[in-house]
């Protein structure tokens, strides 16, 4: 016995991001990020941040 299927129409709606929200997107094959994300990436590359795994390990030692 087969269940009846419903025809579902999906509407495409473009989302508009607020100006203060960080984002990354690819435009013409080039990754573009907001300045705050760019700074976060630079901090990681300089070793100024730790991964979540490292943080969990350190936090566990503090307990």
N, C-alpha and C. Protein backbone atom coordinates (compact mmCIF):
# COMPACT_ATOMS: atom_id res chain seq x y z
N UNK A 1 0.84 -1.18 0.00
CA UNK A 1 0.00 0.00 0.00
C UNK A 1 0.89 1.25 0.00
N UNK A 2 0.65 2.15 -0.90
CA UNK A 2 1.46 3.35 -1.00
C UNK A 2 0.75 4.53 -0.34
N UNK A 3 1.58 5.33 0.33
CA UNK A 3 1.06 6.55 0.94
C UNK A 3 0.90 7.61 -0.15
N UNK A 4 -0.13 8.42 -0.09
CA UNK A 4 -0.26 9.51 -1.07
C UNK A 4 0.85 10.54 -0.82
N UNK A 5 1.34 11.11 -1.88
CA UNK A 5 2.38 12.13 -1.75
C UNK A 5 1.77 13.49 -2.03
N UNK A 6 2.30 14.47 -1.37
CA UNK A 6 1.83 15.83 -1.57
C UNK A 6 2.85 16.59 -2.41
N UNK A 7 2.36 17.36 -3.33
CA UNK A 7 3.24 18.21 -4.12
C UNK A 7 3.60 19.42 -3.27
N UNK A 8 4.88 19.63 -3.10
CA UNK A 8 5.34 20.74 -2.28
C UNK A 8 6.12 21.70 -3.17
N UNK A 9 5.74 22.95 -3.11
CA UNK A 9 6.44 23.97 -3.88
C UNK A 9 7.36 24.74 -2.94
N UNK A 10 8.61 24.88 -3.34
CA UNK A 10 9.58 25.62 -2.55
C UNK A 10 9.83 26.97 -3.21
N UNK A 11 9.68 28.01 -2.45
CA UNK A 11 9.94 29.35 -2.97
C UNK A 11 11.35 29.75 -2.59
N UNK A 12 12.06 30.33 -3.51
CA UNK A 12 13.41 30.81 -3.24
C UNK A 12 13.30 32.23 -2.69
N UNK A 13 13.90 32.42 -1.54
CA UNK A 13 13.89 33.74 -0.93
C UNK A 13 15.32 34.09 -0.51
N UNK A 14 15.80 35.22 -0.97
CA UNK A 14 17.16 35.62 -0.63
C UNK A 14 17.16 36.28 0.75
N UNK A 15 18.04 35.80 1.61
CA UNK A 15 18.13 36.35 2.95
C UNK A 15 19.06 37.56 2.94
N UNK A 16 18.66 38.56 3.69
CA UNK A 16 19.49 39.76 3.82
C UNK A 16 20.09 39.73 5.22
N UNK A 17 21.43 39.77 5.28
CA UNK A 17 22.12 39.73 6.56
C UNK A 17 22.25 41.13 7.13
N UNK A 18 22.09 41.26 8.44
CA UNK A 18 22.31 42.57 9.06
C UNK A 18 23.75 43.01 8.87
N UNK A 19 23.99 44.31 8.86
CA UNK A 19 25.34 44.83 8.64
C UNK A 19 26.33 44.41 9.72
N UNK A 20 25.85 44.16 10.94
CA UNK A 20 26.76 43.83 12.03
C UNK A 20 26.99 42.33 12.20
N UNK A 21 26.53 41.53 11.27
CA UNK A 21 26.69 40.08 11.35
C UNK A 21 27.85 39.62 10.48
N UNK A 22 28.73 38.81 11.08
CA UNK A 22 29.87 38.28 10.33
C UNK A 22 29.38 37.24 9.32
N UNK A 23 30.02 37.20 8.18
CA UNK A 23 29.65 36.21 7.17
C UNK A 23 30.83 35.91 6.27
N UNK A 24 30.72 34.81 5.58
CA UNK A 24 31.68 34.44 4.54
C UNK A 24 30.88 33.97 3.35
N UNK A 25 31.33 34.29 2.18
CA UNK A 25 30.65 33.83 0.96
C UNK A 25 31.65 33.77 -0.17
N UNK A 26 31.30 33.04 -1.19
CA UNK A 26 32.16 32.91 -2.36
C UNK A 26 31.51 33.68 -3.51
N UNK A 27 32.25 34.62 -4.06
CA UNK A 27 31.77 35.42 -5.18
C UNK A 27 32.77 35.27 -6.31
N UNK A 28 32.30 34.78 -7.43
CA UNK A 28 33.17 34.55 -8.60
C UNK A 28 34.40 33.72 -8.24
N UNK A 29 34.19 32.70 -7.38
CA UNK A 29 35.27 31.80 -7.02
C UNK A 29 36.23 32.34 -5.97
N UNK A 30 35.93 33.49 -5.38
CA UNK A 30 36.81 34.10 -4.39
C UNK A 30 36.08 34.17 -3.05
N UNK A 31 36.73 33.65 -1.99
CA UNK A 31 36.15 33.71 -0.66
C UNK A 31 36.21 35.13 -0.14
N UNK A 32 35.07 35.65 0.30
CA UNK A 32 35.01 36.99 0.87
C UNK A 32 34.46 36.87 2.28
N UNK A 33 35.14 37.52 3.23
CA UNK A 33 34.71 37.50 4.62
C UNK A 33 34.65 38.93 5.15
N UNK A 34 33.86 39.12 6.20
CA UNK A 34 33.78 40.43 6.82
C UNK A 34 35.07 40.69 7.59
N UNK A 35 35.41 41.96 7.84
CA UNK A 35 36.66 42.28 8.54
C UNK A 35 36.80 41.60 9.90
N UNK A 36 35.72 41.44 10.65
CA UNK A 36 35.83 40.79 11.96
C UNK A 36 36.19 39.31 11.82
N UNK A 37 35.66 38.63 10.82
CA UNK A 37 36.04 37.25 10.58
C UNK A 37 37.49 37.17 10.10
N UNK A 38 37.87 38.13 9.30
CA UNK A 38 39.25 38.17 8.81
C UNK A 38 40.22 38.30 9.99
N UNK A 39 39.88 39.13 10.97
CA UNK A 39 40.72 39.30 12.15
C UNK A 39 40.76 38.02 12.98
N UNK A 40 39.61 37.34 13.12
CA UNK A 40 39.59 36.08 13.86
C UNK A 40 40.47 35.03 13.20
N UNK A 41 40.44 34.97 11.88
CA UNK A 41 41.29 34.03 11.13
C UNK A 41 42.76 34.36 11.38
N UNK A 42 43.09 35.64 11.35
CA UNK A 42 44.48 36.06 11.59
C UNK A 42 44.92 35.69 13.00
N UNK A 43 44.03 35.83 14.00
CA UNK A 43 44.37 35.46 15.37
C UNK A 43 44.69 33.97 15.47
N UNK A 44 43.91 33.16 14.79
CA UNK A 44 44.16 31.71 14.79
C UNK A 44 45.51 31.42 14.14
N UNK A 45 45.77 32.06 13.02
CA UNK A 45 47.04 31.83 12.32
C UNK A 45 48.23 32.26 13.16
N UNK A 46 48.07 33.30 13.99
CA UNK A 46 49.16 33.76 14.87
C UNK A 46 49.25 32.93 16.14
N UNK A 47 48.32 31.99 16.32
CA UNK A 47 48.34 31.15 17.51
C UNK A 47 47.79 31.84 18.75
N UNK A 48 46.99 32.88 18.57
CA UNK A 48 46.44 33.63 19.70
C UNK A 48 45.15 33.03 20.24
N UNK A 49 44.63 32.03 19.58
CA UNK A 49 43.41 31.37 20.05
C UNK A 49 43.68 29.86 20.18
N UNK A 50 42.81 29.18 20.89
CA UNK A 50 42.95 27.74 21.05
C UNK A 50 41.72 27.05 20.47
N UNK A 51 41.90 25.81 20.07
CA UNK A 51 40.76 25.05 19.54
C UNK A 51 39.84 24.66 20.68
N UNK A 52 38.63 24.28 20.34
CA UNK A 52 37.66 23.85 21.36
C UNK A 52 38.19 22.62 22.10
N UNK A 53 38.87 21.73 21.40
CA UNK A 53 39.44 20.54 22.04
C UNK A 53 40.48 20.94 23.07
N UNK A 54 41.36 21.88 22.70
CA UNK A 54 42.38 22.36 23.64
C UNK A 54 41.72 23.02 24.85
N UNK A 55 40.69 23.82 24.59
CA UNK A 55 39.99 24.50 25.69
C UNK A 55 39.37 23.49 26.64
N UNK A 56 38.71 22.47 26.09
CA UNK A 56 38.08 21.45 26.94
C UNK A 56 39.12 20.73 27.79
N UNK A 57 40.28 20.44 27.19
CA UNK A 57 41.35 19.78 27.94
C UNK A 57 41.83 20.67 29.09
N UNK A 58 42.05 21.96 28.80
CA UNK A 58 42.50 22.89 29.84
C UNK A 58 41.43 23.04 30.92
N UNK A 59 40.17 23.17 30.50
CA UNK A 59 39.07 23.35 31.45
C UNK A 59 38.94 22.13 32.38
N UNK A 60 39.11 20.95 31.80
CA UNK A 60 39.03 19.73 32.60
C UNK A 60 40.13 19.71 33.67
N UNK A 61 41.31 20.20 33.32
CA UNK A 61 42.41 20.25 34.29
C UNK A 61 42.12 21.25 35.40
N UNK A 62 41.36 22.32 35.11
CA UNK A 62 41.04 23.32 36.13
C UNK A 62 40.05 22.78 37.15
N UNK A 63 39.23 21.81 36.74
CA UNK A 63 38.20 21.29 37.65
C UNK A 63 38.76 20.42 38.69
